[in-house]
Amino acid sequence: GAYHITATAPNHQCTVSGNGQGSATADVTNIQVACTLVRYKLSGTVSNLDGGITLAAGGASTTVSGTGTGATPFEIAGALAHGQAYTLTVATQPFGQTCTVGFKGTGSNTTADVSGAMVACAYGQFPLAADVSGLHGGGKLVLQRGSATPITVTGGGSGTDTASFGNFTHKTPYSVS
C-alpha cells in the first residue's frame, strides 16, 4: 500500500529523505530521518559604530556597517539553538574603535528569538609625540587639537627633544605648526 513518512520531535526540525513516500510492493529501506534543534535569531543594535563590524554567536555571524553616530541594527539568523546557552562576540573590530558586548550578550536555555542585544563602540586613543631638533633660543612648537587650547613647546638648547602631546581620540583633527 501507499505510505508517506513524516517525522516530528519537540523543539526539533526533522526532514525525511530517501524512500520517505511511495507505494510499498516489497521491503522499504533507505529511509533517512535527520533532526536538528530549532534555531532562533539574535538581534539588537551597535551604538556609535564607525565602519564595519562582524558579530558572531552559535556558529553564525553577520557583518554590519555604521556611520559613527546612533544605533546600527543587526540580526544573526539561526544563531541560537533551542535549549542551549549562547554568547555574542565581536569577531572583527572596526578600525580605530573597540566594541564591547553588553546587555543580552549571553543567555541560557534559549526558547525563542532574542532581541535587544547591545554592543557599544568607542574610539581608541592614540599617543602623539614629536621629535624636536634645532629649536633654539625660545623657538616654539605649537600643536593644535581641533578647537582645544593649543599646546606649546619652547626650545632651549641644541640636540633633539621629544615632545609628548598626550593621547588623541581616533579621527581627532590636529595640526603642528
Protein backbone atom coordinates (compact mmCIF):
# COMPACT_ATOMS: atom_id res chain seq x y z
CA GLY A 1 0.00 0.00 0.00
CA ALA A 2 0.86 3.66 -0.23
CA TYR A 3 2.88 5.28 2.52
CA HIS A 4 4.21 8.74 3.47
CA ILE A 5 6.66 9.06 6.37
CA THR A 6 6.79 12.23 8.45
CA ALA A 7 8.95 12.88 11.48
CA THR A 8 8.30 15.22 14.37
CA ALA A 9 10.11 15.77 17.63
CA PRO A 10 9.58 18.52 20.21
CA ASN A 11 11.84 21.55 19.58
CA HIS A 12 13.39 19.94 16.51
CA GLN A 13 13.11 20.32 12.76
CA CYS A 14 13.13 16.95 11.03
CA THR A 15 13.37 16.01 7.38
CA VAL A 16 12.73 12.67 5.75
CA SER A 17 14.69 11.68 2.66
CA GLY A 18 15.30 8.59 0.60
CA ASN A 19 12.21 6.37 0.28
CA GLY A 20 10.06 8.55 2.54
CA GLN A 21 6.96 8.06 0.44
CA GLY A 22 5.70 5.73 -2.20
CA SER A 23 3.82 2.53 -2.73
CA ALA A 24 5.18 -0.50 -0.93
CA THR A 25 5.47 -3.61 -3.09
CA ALA A 26 8.42 -5.05 -1.16
CA ASP A 27 10.55 -4.26 1.87
CA VAL A 28 11.05 -0.48 2.14
CA THR A 29 14.61 0.53 3.01
CA ASN A 30 16.79 3.59 2.62
CA ILE A 31 14.61 5.95 4.65
CA GLN A 32 16.68 8.65 6.36
CA VAL A 33 15.39 10.95 9.07
CA ALA A 34 17.57 13.88 10.12
CA CYS A 35 16.62 16.15 13.01
CA THR A 36 18.25 19.33 14.30
CA LEU A 37 17.33 21.63 17.14
CA VAL A 38 15.08 24.55 16.22
CA ARG A 39 17.20 27.69 15.76
CA TYR A 40 16.32 31.26 16.63
CA LYS A 41 17.65 34.67 15.63
CA LEU A 42 19.62 37.08 17.78
CA SER A 43 19.12 40.79 17.07
CA GLY A 44 19.97 44.13 18.59
CA THR A 45 21.91 47.32 17.99
CA VAL A 46 25.50 48.54 17.83
CA SER A 47 25.92 52.08 19.16
CA ASN A 48 28.41 54.59 17.70
CA LEU A 49 29.71 52.14 15.08
CA ASP A 50 32.02 53.88 12.59
CA GLY A 51 32.87 51.35 9.89
CA GLY A 52 32.26 47.61 9.69
CA ILE A 53 31.96 45.03 12.45
CA THR A 54 31.41 41.27 12.40
CA LEU A 55 29.32 39.79 15.22
CA ALA A 56 29.07 36.06 15.90
CA ALA A 57 27.01 33.66 18.01
CA GLY A 58 26.30 29.93 17.82
CA GLY A 59 28.40 29.36 14.72
CA ALA A 60 26.57 32.05 12.71
CA SER A 61 27.72 35.61 12.03
CA THR A 62 26.77 38.88 10.38
CA THR A 63 28.65 41.99 9.26
CA VAL A 64 27.10 45.45 9.55
CA SER A 65 28.39 48.98 8.94
CA GLY A 66 27.66 52.27 10.68
CA THR A 67 28.48 55.95 10.29
CA GLY A 68 29.75 56.70 13.81
CA THR A 69 26.55 58.01 15.38
CA GLY A 70 23.33 56.49 16.60
CA ALA A 71 22.35 52.83 16.67
CA THR A 72 23.01 50.36 13.85
CA PRO A 73 20.67 47.34 13.87
CA PHE A 74 21.95 43.78 13.43
CA GLU A 75 20.39 40.33 13.11
CA ILE A 76 22.09 36.94 13.19
CA ALA A 77 19.66 34.40 11.75
CA GLY A 78 19.91 30.87 13.13
CA ALA A 79 22.41 31.85 15.81
CA LEU A 80 20.62 30.29 18.78
CA ALA A 81 19.81 26.60 19.20
CA HIS A 82 16.75 25.65 21.25
CA GLY A 83 17.56 24.99 24.91
CA GLN A 84 21.21 25.94 24.53
CA ALA A 85 23.32 28.73 26.00
CA TYR A 86 24.76 31.43 23.75
CA THR A 87 27.45 34.09 23.77
CA LEU A 88 27.52 37.06 21.38
CA THR A 89 31.07 38.06 20.41
CA VAL A 90 32.76 40.74 18.33
CA ALA A 91 34.57 38.65 15.71
CA THR A 92 36.09 41.62 13.87
CA GLN A 93 36.58 45.06 15.44
CA PRO A 94 36.14 48.21 13.31
CA PHE A 95 39.33 50.16 12.56
CA GLY A 96 40.09 52.72 15.28
CA GLN A 97 37.33 51.53 17.61
CA THR A 98 36.87 48.98 20.35
CA CYS A 99 33.41 47.45 20.64
CA THR A 100 32.12 45.55 23.66
CA VAL A 101 29.08 43.34 24.08
CA GLY A 102 26.69 44.32 26.85
CA PHE A 103 23.01 43.67 27.55
CA LYS A 104 21.77 40.25 26.34
CA GLY A 105 25.26 39.29 25.20
CA THR A 106 24.87 35.91 26.88
CA GLY A 107 21.94 33.70 27.65
CA SER A 108 20.95 30.17 28.59
CA ASN A 109 18.13 27.78 27.74
CA THR A 110 17.07 29.69 24.61
CA THR A 111 13.43 29.01 23.68
CA ALA A 112 12.66 31.89 21.29
CA ASP A 113 14.20 34.69 19.23
CA VAL A 114 16.28 37.08 21.35
CA SER A 115 16.06 40.80 20.60
CA GLY A 116 17.51 43.88 22.26
CA ALA A 117 21.15 42.74 22.47
CA MET A 118 23.51 45.70 22.79
CA VAL A 119 27.02 46.32 21.54
CA ALA A 120 28.76 49.65 22.26
CA CYS A 121 31.70 51.06 20.28
CA ALA A 122 34.16 53.74 21.34
CA TYR A 123 37.05 55.37 19.51
CA GLY A 124 40.55 54.31 20.53
CA GLN A 125 43.19 56.63 21.94
CA PHE A 126 46.47 57.15 20.16
CA PRO A 127 49.62 58.85 21.51
CA LEU A 128 51.00 61.82 19.57
CA ALA A 129 54.60 62.86 20.04
CA ALA A 130 57.17 64.81 18.04
CA ASP A 131 60.96 64.62 17.97
CA VAL A 132 62.08 68.24 18.09
CA SER A 133 65.56 69.21 16.94
CA GLY A 134 67.18 72.54 16.26
CA LEU A 135 64.66 74.53 18.28
CA HIS A 136 66.98 77.20 19.73
CA GLY A 137 66.62 80.30 21.81
CA GLY A 138 62.95 80.28 22.58
CA GLY A 139 61.68 78.77 19.33
CA LYS A 140 58.21 77.39 19.73
CA LEU A 141 56.38 74.28 18.54
CA VAL A 142 52.60 74.54 18.66
CA LEU A 143 50.17 71.64 18.48
CA GLN A 144 46.54 72.43 17.78
CA ARG A 145 43.98 69.79 18.82
CA GLY A 146 40.83 70.68 16.93
CA SER A 147 39.20 73.55 18.83
CA ALA A 148 41.06 72.80 22.10
CA THR A 149 43.66 75.14 23.57
CA PRO A 150 46.97 74.85 21.66
CA ILE A 151 49.91 73.13 23.36
CA THR A 152 53.21 74.99 23.04
CA VAL A 153 56.73 73.56 23.50
CA THR A 154 59.56 76.09 23.83
CA GLY A 155 63.07 75.12 22.72
CA GLY A 156 66.02 75.94 24.87
CA GLY A 157 69.09 74.27 23.51
CA SER A 158 70.65 72.10 20.89
CA GLY A 159 70.04 68.43 20.35
CA THR A 160 66.81 66.50 19.95
CA ASP A 161 63.96 66.51 22.43
CA THR A 162 60.74 64.51 22.34
CA ALA A 163 57.56 66.43 22.97
CA SER A 164 54.59 64.31 24.03
CA PHE A 165 51.18 65.76 23.44
CA GLY A 166 49.15 63.07 25.15
CA ASN A 167 46.54 60.79 23.62
CA PHE A 168 44.19 61.70 20.84
CA THR A 169 40.88 60.08 20.05
CA HIS A 170 40.73 58.34 16.67
CA LYS A 171 39.83 60.82 13.90
CA THR A 172 40.56 63.91 16.04
CA PRO A 173 41.93 66.59 13.72
CA TYR A 174 45.29 68.11 14.64
CA SER A 175 47.97 70.29 13.09
CA VAL A 176 51.56 71.01 14.02
CA SER A 177 52.99 74.41 13.13
